[in-house]
Amino acid sequence: MSDRNSDAPVEIVFKAELKPYRSLSPRGFAMLLMFVAGTCFASGLLFWSLGAWPIAGFFGLDILAIQFAFRLNYRAARAREFVEMTRDRIEIRRVAASGKTEVFDFNPYWARFEVERVPDWGITRMMLASHGRRLAIGNFLNPDDREGFATAFQDALARVRSN
């Protein structure tokens, strides 16, 4: 007879949402694009007044190229990783920028959390490994965010294993 109630809610020991950092807000992007457009328009007028009117059109291409690059950047920022740890399971749910979702499960008693460090730089890679499987976690995080996540995740893993 089991002493655990199968209807009892599962206690979540650790939960985190990892997402890429983007420093430029949509409002900041609009201001940047207006500044670039104003600069390109002024430069285009200068070339137009000098008789080099075909060059003015190329300044419009600059605006389109910058807007396209930022749209790709914002699209990539939709990627997410959800990490959830209970006493008997670690679940990594990876959501790509396209919306495709992959779920990876690990046993916390068998999983190894591997961290690669470079002196004067910090953590460059975090991996979860178990039974020949390896999964990179938080590749899009900056070094400071990796440090914070690694510390919190290792502490949670130690708590689970000690009980």
N, C-alpha and C. Protein backbone atom coordinates (compact mmCIF):
# COMPACT_ATOMS: atom_id res chain seq x y z
N MET A 1 0.84 -1.18 0.00
CA MET A 1 0.00 0.00 0.00
C MET A 1 0.88 1.24 0.00
N SER A 2 0.56 2.20 -0.84
CA SER A 2 1.36 3.41 -0.97
C SER A 2 0.93 4.44 0.06
N ASP A 3 1.93 5.15 0.62
CA ASP A 3 1.60 6.19 1.58
C ASP A 3 1.39 7.54 0.91
N ARG A 4 1.54 7.59 -0.39
CA ARG A 4 1.32 8.84 -1.14
C ARG A 4 -0.07 8.84 -1.73
N ASN A 5 -0.71 9.97 -1.67
CA ASN A 5 -2.03 10.13 -2.26
C ASN A 5 -1.85 10.52 -3.72
N SER A 6 -2.33 9.71 -4.64
CA SER A 6 -2.13 9.98 -6.06
C SER A 6 -2.92 11.20 -6.53
N ASP A 7 -3.91 11.63 -5.75
CA ASP A 7 -4.69 12.82 -6.11
C ASP A 7 -4.08 14.11 -5.57
N ALA A 8 -3.07 13.99 -4.73
CA ALA A 8 -2.45 15.18 -4.15
C ALA A 8 -1.70 15.95 -5.23
N PRO A 9 -1.72 17.28 -5.15
CA PRO A 9 -0.99 18.06 -6.15
C PRO A 9 0.52 17.85 -6.01
N VAL A 10 1.20 17.87 -7.13
CA VAL A 10 2.65 17.67 -7.15
C VAL A 10 3.32 18.97 -6.72
N GLU A 11 4.25 18.86 -5.78
CA GLU A 11 4.95 20.04 -5.29
C GLU A 11 6.04 20.43 -6.29
N ILE A 12 5.97 21.65 -6.77
CA ILE A 12 6.99 22.15 -7.69
C ILE A 12 8.11 22.76 -6.85
N VAL A 13 9.30 22.18 -6.99
CA VAL A 13 10.46 22.62 -6.22
C VAL A 13 11.14 23.80 -6.89
N PHE A 14 11.14 23.81 -8.21
CA PHE A 14 11.83 24.87 -8.97
C PHE A 14 11.07 25.11 -10.26
N LYS A 15 10.91 26.39 -10.60
CA LYS A 15 10.22 26.75 -11.84
C LYS A 15 10.87 28.02 -12.38
N ALA A 16 11.20 28.00 -13.67
CA ALA A 16 11.82 29.17 -14.28
C ALA A 16 11.40 29.27 -15.74
N GLU A 17 11.28 30.50 -16.20
CA GLU A 17 11.05 30.77 -17.62
C GLU A 17 12.28 31.50 -18.13
N LEU A 18 12.95 30.89 -19.09
CA LEU A 18 14.15 31.49 -19.68
C LEU A 18 13.76 32.11 -21.01
N LYS A 19 14.14 33.37 -21.19
CA LYS A 19 13.83 34.05 -22.45
C LYS A 19 14.97 34.98 -22.81
N PRO A 20 15.17 35.21 -24.10
CA PRO A 20 16.25 36.10 -24.53
C PRO A 20 16.00 37.53 -24.07
N TYR A 21 17.08 38.21 -23.74
CA TYR A 21 16.99 39.60 -23.31
C TYR A 21 17.02 40.51 -24.54
N ARG A 22 16.11 41.44 -24.59
CA ARG A 22 16.09 42.44 -25.64
C ARG A 22 16.02 43.81 -24.97
N SER A 23 17.02 44.64 -25.22
CA SER A 23 17.11 45.92 -24.54
C SER A 23 16.28 47.02 -25.21
N LEU A 24 15.92 46.84 -26.46
CA LEU A 24 15.20 47.88 -27.18
C LEU A 24 13.70 47.56 -27.18
N SER A 25 12.94 48.43 -26.55
CA SER A 25 11.48 48.24 -26.49
C SER A 25 10.86 48.61 -27.84
N PRO A 26 9.61 48.23 -28.06
CA PRO A 26 8.94 48.63 -29.31
C PRO A 26 8.91 50.16 -29.49
N ARG A 27 8.73 50.89 -28.40
CA ARG A 27 8.75 52.36 -28.49
C ARG A 27 10.14 52.85 -28.89
N GLY A 28 11.17 52.26 -28.29
CA GLY A 28 12.55 52.61 -28.64
C GLY A 28 12.86 52.29 -30.09
N PHE A 29 12.33 51.16 -30.57
CA PHE A 29 12.52 50.79 -31.97
C PHE A 29 11.87 51.81 -32.89
N ALA A 30 10.66 52.27 -32.55
CA ALA A 30 9.98 53.28 -33.37
C ALA A 30 10.78 54.58 -33.39
N MET A 31 11.33 54.96 -32.25
CA MET A 31 12.14 56.19 -32.19
C MET A 31 13.42 56.03 -33.03
N LEU A 32 14.06 54.88 -32.92
CA LEU A 32 15.26 54.62 -33.71
C LEU A 32 14.95 54.67 -35.20
N LEU A 33 13.86 54.04 -35.60
CA LEU A 33 13.48 54.02 -37.01
C LEU A 33 13.15 55.42 -37.51
N MET A 34 12.49 56.23 -36.68
CA MET A 34 12.20 57.62 -37.08
C MET A 34 13.49 58.42 -37.23
N PHE A 35 14.45 58.21 -36.33
CA PHE A 35 15.73 58.91 -36.44
C PHE A 35 16.47 58.51 -37.72
N VAL A 36 16.51 57.21 -37.99
CA VAL A 36 17.18 56.72 -39.21
C VAL A 36 16.46 57.25 -40.44
N ALA A 37 15.13 57.23 -40.43
CA ALA A 37 14.35 57.73 -41.57
C ALA A 37 14.60 59.21 -41.78
N GLY A 38 14.65 59.98 -40.70
CA GLY A 38 14.92 61.42 -40.81
C GLY A 38 16.31 61.68 -41.37
N THR A 39 17.29 60.94 -40.90
CA THR A 39 18.66 61.09 -41.39
C THR A 39 18.75 60.71 -42.87
N CYS A 40 18.12 59.60 -43.23
CA CYS A 40 18.13 59.17 -44.63
C CYS A 40 17.40 60.17 -45.52
N PHE A 41 16.29 60.71 -45.03
CA PHE A 41 15.54 61.69 -45.82
C PHE A 41 16.38 62.95 -46.04
N ALA A 42 17.05 63.44 -44.99
CA ALA A 42 17.89 64.63 -45.12
C ALA A 42 19.05 64.38 -46.08
N SER A 43 19.68 63.22 -45.96
CA SER A 43 20.79 62.89 -46.86
C SER A 43 20.29 62.73 -48.29
N GLY A 44 19.11 62.12 -48.44
CA GLY A 44 18.52 61.97 -49.78
C GLY A 44 18.23 63.31 -50.42
N LEU A 45 17.72 64.26 -49.63
CA LEU A 45 17.46 65.61 -50.15
C LEU A 45 18.75 66.29 -50.59
N LEU A 46 19.81 66.09 -49.80
CA LEU A 46 21.10 66.68 -50.17
C LEU A 46 21.58 66.13 -51.51
N PHE A 47 21.54 64.83 -51.68
CA PHE A 47 21.98 64.25 -52.95
C PHE A 47 21.05 64.64 -54.09
N TRP A 48 19.76 64.74 -53.82
CA TRP A 48 18.79 65.16 -54.84
C TRP A 48 19.12 66.58 -55.31
N SER A 49 19.44 67.47 -54.35
CA SER A 49 19.74 68.86 -54.72
C SER A 49 21.06 68.96 -55.50
N LEU A 50 21.94 68.00 -55.32
CA LEU A 50 23.21 68.00 -56.05
C LEU A 50 23.08 67.33 -57.42
N GLY A 51 21.88 66.83 -57.72
CA GLY A 51 21.63 66.22 -59.02
C GLY A 51 21.83 64.72 -59.03
N ALA A 52 22.15 64.14 -57.91
CA ALA A 52 22.34 62.69 -57.84
C ALA A 52 21.07 62.05 -57.28
N TRP A 53 19.96 62.28 -57.97
CA TRP A 53 18.66 61.82 -57.47
C TRP A 53 18.53 60.30 -57.36
N PRO A 54 19.23 59.47 -58.17
CA PRO A 54 19.06 58.01 -57.99
C PRO A 54 19.55 57.51 -56.63
N ILE A 55 20.48 58.23 -56.04
CA ILE A 55 21.03 57.81 -54.75
C ILE A 55 19.97 57.92 -53.65
N ALA A 56 19.05 58.85 -53.78
CA ALA A 56 18.02 59.06 -52.75
C ALA A 56 17.22 57.78 -52.51
N GLY A 57 16.96 57.02 -53.55
CA GLY A 57 16.21 55.77 -53.39
C GLY A 57 16.93 54.74 -52.55
N PHE A 58 18.25 54.74 -52.61
CA PHE A 58 19.02 53.77 -51.82
C PHE A 58 18.92 54.04 -50.32
N PHE A 59 18.67 55.30 -49.96
CA PHE A 59 18.47 55.59 -48.54
C PHE A 59 17.19 54.94 -48.02
N GLY A 60 16.20 54.83 -48.88
CA GLY A 60 14.97 54.12 -48.50
C GLY A 60 15.24 52.64 -48.26
N LEU A 61 16.16 52.08 -49.04
CA LEU A 61 16.53 50.67 -48.84
C LEU A 61 17.19 50.45 -47.48
N ASP A 62 17.94 51.45 -47.02
CA ASP A 62 18.56 51.35 -45.69
C ASP A 62 17.50 51.21 -44.60
N ILE A 63 16.45 52.01 -44.72
CA ILE A 63 15.37 51.95 -43.73
C ILE A 63 14.72 50.57 -43.75
N LEU A 64 14.45 50.05 -44.94
CA LEU A 64 13.84 48.73 -45.06
C LEU A 64 14.74 47.63 -44.49
N ALA A 65 16.04 47.74 -44.75
CA ALA A 65 16.98 46.73 -44.25
C ALA A 65 17.04 46.74 -42.72
N ILE A 66 17.06 47.93 -42.13
CA ILE A 66 17.10 48.02 -40.67
C ILE A 66 15.80 47.48 -40.07
N GLN A 67 14.67 47.83 -40.67
CA GLN A 67 13.39 47.34 -40.17
C GLN A 67 13.32 45.81 -40.28
N PHE A 68 13.78 45.25 -41.38
CA PHE A 68 13.78 43.80 -41.57
C PHE A 68 14.66 43.11 -40.53
N ALA A 69 15.85 43.66 -40.29
CA ALA A 69 16.77 43.06 -39.31
C ALA A 69 16.16 43.06 -37.91
N PHE A 70 15.53 44.15 -37.53
CA PHE A 70 14.93 44.21 -36.20
C PHE A 70 13.71 43.30 -36.09
N ARG A 71 12.96 43.16 -37.16
CA ARG A 71 11.82 42.24 -37.12
C ARG A 71 12.29 40.80 -36.92
N LEU A 72 13.39 40.43 -37.58
CA LEU A 72 13.96 39.10 -37.35
C LEU A 72 14.43 38.94 -35.91
N ASN A 73 15.03 39.99 -35.36
CA ASN A 73 15.50 39.96 -33.99
C ASN A 73 14.34 39.81 -33.01
N TYR A 74 13.28 40.56 -33.21
CA TYR A 74 12.11 40.45 -32.33
C TYR A 74 11.43 39.09 -32.47
N ARG A 75 11.45 38.54 -33.67
CA ARG A 75 10.86 37.21 -33.87
C ARG A 75 11.66 36.16 -33.09
N ALA A 76 12.99 36.26 -33.13
CA ALA A 76 13.84 35.32 -32.39
C ALA A 76 13.64 35.46 -30.88
N ALA A 77 13.22 36.64 -30.44
CA ALA A 77 13.01 36.88 -29.01
C ALA A 77 11.79 36.15 -28.47
N ARG A 78 10.96 35.59 -29.35
CA ARG A 78 9.79 34.85 -28.89
C ARG A 78 10.15 33.45 -28.38
N ALA A 79 11.39 33.04 -28.57
CA ALA A 79 11.83 31.71 -28.09
C ALA A 79 11.80 31.70 -26.56
N ARG A 80 11.45 30.57 -26.00
CA ARG A 80 11.36 30.42 -24.55
C ARG A 80 11.78 29.01 -24.14
N GLU A 81 12.23 28.90 -22.90
CA GLU A 81 12.45 27.60 -22.29
C GLU A 81 11.83 27.65 -20.90
N PHE A 82 11.00 26.66 -20.60
CA PHE A 82 10.36 26.55 -19.30
C PHE A 82 10.98 25.37 -18.58
N VAL A 83 11.51 25.62 -17.40
CA VAL A 83 12.16 24.58 -16.60
C VAL A 83 11.33 24.38 -15.34
N GLU A 84 10.94 23.14 -15.10
CA GLU A 84 10.12 22.83 -13.92
C GLU A 84 10.67 21.57 -13.27
N MET A 85 10.90 21.65 -11.97
CA MET A 85 11.44 20.50 -11.25
C MET A 85 10.50 20.13 -10.10
N THR A 86 10.16 18.85 -10.05
CA THR A 86 9.43 18.28 -8.92
C THR A 86 10.34 17.25 -8.27
N ARG A 87 9.86 16.57 -7.27
CA ARG A 87 10.69 15.59 -6.58
C ARG A 87 11.06 14.40 -7.45
N ASP A 88 10.27 14.11 -8.48
CA ASP A 88 10.56 12.94 -9.30
C ASP A 88 10.72 13.23 -10.79
N ARG A 89 10.80 14.53 -11.15
CA ARG A 89 10.86 14.84 -12.58
C ARG A 89 11.43 16.24 -12.82
N ILE A 90 12.26 16.34 -13.85
CA ILE A 90 12.69 17.64 -14.37
C ILE A 90 12.13 17.72 -15.78
N GLU A 91 11.36 18.75 -16.04
CA GLU A 91 10.78 18.93 -17.38
C GLU A 91 11.31 20.22 -17.98
N ILE A 92 11.86 20.09 -19.18
CA ILE A 92 12.31 21.25 -19.95
C ILE A 92 11.38 21.35 -21.15
N ARG A 93 10.65 22.44 -21.24
CA ARG A 93 9.75 22.66 -22.38
C ARG A 93 10.34 23.81 -23.19
N ARG A 94 10.77 23.48 -24.39
CA ARG A 94 11.42 24.46 -25.27
C ARG A 94 10.43 24.89 -26.34
N VAL A 95 10.18 26.20 -26.41
CA VAL A 95 9.27 26.76 -27.41
C VAL A 95 10.12 27.60 -28.36
N ALA A 96 10.17 27.19 -29.63
CA ALA A 96 10.94 27.91 -30.64
C ALA A 96 10.21 29.19 -31.02
N ALA A 97 10.91 30.09 -31.70
CA ALA A 97 10.30 31.34 -32.15
C ALA A 97 9.12 31.08 -33.08
N SER A 98 9.16 29.97 -33.78
CA SER A 98 8.07 29.62 -34.70
C SER A 98 6.85 29.08 -33.97
N GLY A 99 7.00 28.76 -32.68
CA GLY A 99 5.90 28.21 -31.90
C GLY A 99 6.00 26.71 -31.68
N LYS A 100 6.94 26.06 -32.36
CA LYS A 100 7.12 24.61 -32.19
C LYS A 100 7.61 24.31 -30.77
N THR A 101 6.97 23.34 -30.13
CA THR A 101 7.29 23.00 -28.74
C THR A 101 7.89 21.61 -28.66
N GLU A 102 8.98 21.50 -27.88
CA GLU A 102 9.60 20.22 -27.58
C GLU A 102 9.65 20.07 -26.06
N VAL A 103 9.39 18.87 -25.57
CA VAL A 103 9.42 18.61 -24.14
C VAL A 103 10.45 17.52 -23.85
N PHE A 104 11.30 17.78 -22.86
CA PHE A 104 12.34 16.84 -22.45
C PHE A 104 12.16 16.54 -20.97
N ASP A 105 12.21 15.27 -20.61
CA ASP A 105 12.05 14.85 -19.21
C ASP A 105 13.32 14.18 -18.71
N PHE A 106 13.67 14.49 -17.46
CA PHE A 106 14.82 13.89 -16.80
C PHE A 106 14.42 13.49 -15.38
N ASN A 107 15.08 12.48 -14.86
CA ASN A 107 14.90 12.10 -13.47
C ASN A 107 15.92 12.89 -12.65
N PRO A 108 15.51 13.65 -11.63
CA PRO A 108 16.46 14.48 -10.89
C PRO A 108 17.53 13.68 -10.14
N TYR A 109 17.26 12.42 -9.84
CA TYR A 109 18.24 11.61 -9.13
C TYR A 109 19.34 11.09 -10.06
N TRP A 110 19.06 11.04 -11.35
CA TRP A 110 20.03 10.55 -12.32
C TRP A 110 20.65 11.67 -13.15
N ALA A 111 20.02 12.80 -13.21
CA ALA A 111 20.48 13.89 -14.08
C ALA A 111 21.71 14.57 -13.49
N ARG A 112 22.62 14.94 -14.37
CA ARG A 112 23.79 15.73 -14.01
C ARG A 112 23.64 17.10 -14.65
N PHE A 113 23.88 18.13 -13.86
CA PHE A 113 23.85 19.50 -14.38
C PHE A 113 25.29 19.92 -14.60
N GLU A 114 25.67 20.08 -15.87
CA GLU A 114 27.05 20.40 -16.22
C GLU A 114 27.15 21.86 -16.63
N VAL A 115 28.18 22.51 -16.12
CA VAL A 115 28.39 23.93 -16.40
C VAL A 115 29.81 24.10 -16.94
N GLU A 116 29.93 24.77 -18.07
CA GLU A 116 31.25 25.09 -18.63
C GLU A 116 31.53 26.56 -18.36
N ARG A 117 32.71 26.83 -17.80
CA ARG A 117 33.10 28.20 -17.47
C ARG A 117 34.37 28.58 -18.20
N VAL A 118 34.47 29.85 -18.50
CA VAL A 118 35.69 30.43 -19.06
C VAL A 118 36.14 31.51 -18.08
N PRO A 119 37.42 31.48 -17.66
CA PRO A 119 37.89 32.51 -16.73
C PRO A 119 37.66 33.91 -17.29
N ASP A 120 37.30 34.82 -16.43
CA ASP A 120 37.04 36.22 -16.77
C ASP A 120 35.84 36.41 -17.69
N TRP A 121 35.09 35.38 -17.97
CA TRP A 121 33.90 35.52 -18.80
C TRP A 121 32.67 34.98 -18.08
N GLY A 122 32.81 33.82 -17.48
CA GLY A 122 31.70 33.22 -16.75
C GLY A 122 31.22 31.95 -17.43
N ILE A 123 29.97 31.64 -17.20
CA ILE A 123 29.39 30.42 -17.75
C ILE A 123 29.14 30.60 -19.25
N THR A 124 29.66 29.66 -20.03
CA THR A 124 29.44 29.71 -21.47
C THR A 124 28.44 28.68 -21.94
N ARG A 125 28.21 27.64 -21.11
CA ARG A 125 27.28 26.59 -21.52
C ARG A 125 26.75 25.86 -20.30
N MET A 126 25.46 25.53 -20.36
CA MET A 126 24.83 24.73 -19.31
C MET A 126 24.17 23.53 -19.99
N MET A 127 24.39 22.35 -19.42
CA MET A 127 23.85 21.12 -20.00
C MET A 127 23.22 20.28 -18.90
N LEU A 128 22.16 19.58 -19.28
CA LEU A 128 21.55 18.58 -18.42
C LEU A 128 21.81 17.24 -19.10
N ALA A 129 22.41 16.29 -18.38
CA ALA A 129 22.79 15.00 -18.97
C ALA A 129 22.28 13.85 -18.12
N SER A 130 21.85 12.79 -18.80
CA SER A 130 21.40 11.58 -18.12
C SER A 130 21.28 10.45 -19.12
N HIS A 131 21.84 9.30 -18.78
CA HIS A 131 21.73 8.09 -19.60
C HIS A 131 22.11 8.34 -21.06
N GLY A 132 23.20 9.03 -21.30
CA GLY A 132 23.67 9.26 -22.66
C GLY A 132 23.00 10.41 -23.39
N ARG A 133 21.98 11.00 -22.80
CA ARG A 133 21.32 12.16 -23.42
C ARG A 133 21.90 13.43 -22.83
N ARG A 134 22.09 14.42 -23.67
CA ARG A 134 22.56 15.73 -23.21
C ARG A 134 21.67 16.79 -23.82
N LEU A 135 21.32 17.77 -23.01
CA LEU A 135 20.45 18.85 -23.46
C LEU A 135 21.02 20.18 -23.00
N ALA A 136 21.31 21.06 -23.96
CA ALA A 136 21.78 22.40 -23.63
C ALA A 136 20.59 23.23 -23.13
N ILE A 137 20.84 24.02 -22.11
CA ILE A 137 19.80 24.86 -21.52
C ILE A 137 20.25 26.31 -21.56
N GLY A 138 19.34 27.20 -21.93
CA GLY A 138 19.58 28.64 -21.85
C GLY A 138 20.70 29.15 -22.72
N ASN A 139 20.83 28.63 -23.93
CA ASN A 139 21.90 29.09 -24.83
C ASN A 139 21.81 30.58 -25.14
N PHE A 140 20.62 31.14 -25.09
CA PHE A 140 20.42 32.54 -25.46
C PHE A 140 20.59 33.50 -24.29
N LEU A 141 20.87 32.99 -23.09
CA LEU A 141 21.03 33.86 -21.92
C LEU A 141 22.40 34.53 -21.92
N ASN A 142 22.48 35.71 -21.30
CA ASN A 142 23.77 36.37 -21.14
C ASN A 142 24.49 35.75 -19.94
N PRO A 143 25.80 35.99 -19.78
CA PRO A 143 26.56 35.33 -18.70
C PRO A 143 26.00 35.58 -17.30
N ASP A 144 25.53 36.79 -17.01
CA ASP A 144 24.99 37.07 -15.67
C ASP A 144 23.72 36.26 -15.41
N ASP A 145 22.84 36.19 -16.40
CA ASP A 145 21.61 35.40 -16.24
C ASP A 145 21.93 33.91 -16.12
N ARG A 146 22.96 33.46 -16.82
CA ARG A 146 23.37 32.05 -16.70
C ARG A 146 23.85 31.75 -15.28
N GLU A 147 24.61 32.67 -14.71
CA GLU A 147 25.10 32.49 -13.34
C GLU A 147 23.94 32.36 -12.37
N GLY A 148 22.98 33.26 -12.48
CA GLY A 148 21.83 33.23 -11.58
C GLY A 148 21.01 31.96 -11.73
N PHE A 149 20.76 31.57 -12.97
CA PHE A 149 19.99 30.35 -13.21
C PHE A 149 20.74 29.13 -12.70
N ALA A 150 22.03 29.05 -13.01
CA ALA A 150 22.82 27.88 -12.61
C ALA A 150 22.83 27.71 -11.09
N THR A 151 23.00 28.80 -10.37
CA THR A 151 23.01 28.74 -8.91
C THR A 151 21.66 28.26 -8.37
N ALA A 152 20.58 28.85 -8.86
CA ALA A 152 19.25 28.48 -8.39
C ALA A 152 18.91 27.03 -8.75
N PHE A 153 19.27 26.61 -9.96
CA PHE A 153 18.96 25.25 -10.41
C PHE A 153 19.75 24.22 -9.60
N GLN A 154 21.04 24.49 -9.38
CA GLN A 154 21.87 23.57 -8.60
C GLN A 154 21.36 23.45 -7.17
N ASP A 155 20.93 24.57 -6.58
CA ASP A 155 20.38 24.53 -5.22
C ASP A 155 19.11 23.69 -5.17
N ALA A 156 18.23 23.87 -6.15
CA ALA A 156 16.99 23.09 -6.19
C ALA A 156 17.27 21.61 -6.39
N LEU A 157 18.23 21.30 -7.25
CA LEU A 157 18.59 19.90 -7.50
C LEU A 157 19.15 19.26 -6.22
N ALA A 158 19.95 20.01 -5.49
CA ALA A 158 20.50 19.50 -4.23
C ALA A 158 19.39 19.27 -3.20
N ARG A 159 18.41 20.17 -3.14
CA ARG A 159 17.29 20.00 -2.21
C ARG A 159 16.48 18.74 -2.53
N VAL A 160 16.23 18.52 -3.82
CA VAL A 160 15.46 17.34 -4.23
C VAL A 160 16.22 16.07 -3.86
N ARG A 161 17.50 16.05 -4.11
CA ARG A 161 18.29 14.84 -3.85
C ARG A 161 18.48 14.57 -2.36
N SER A 162 18.42 15.61 -1.54
CA SER A 162 18.64 15.41 -0.10
C SER A 162 17.41 14.86 0.61
N ASN A 163 16.26 14.90 -0.03
CA ASN A 163 15.02 14.39 0.59
C ASN A 163 14.71 12.99 0.15
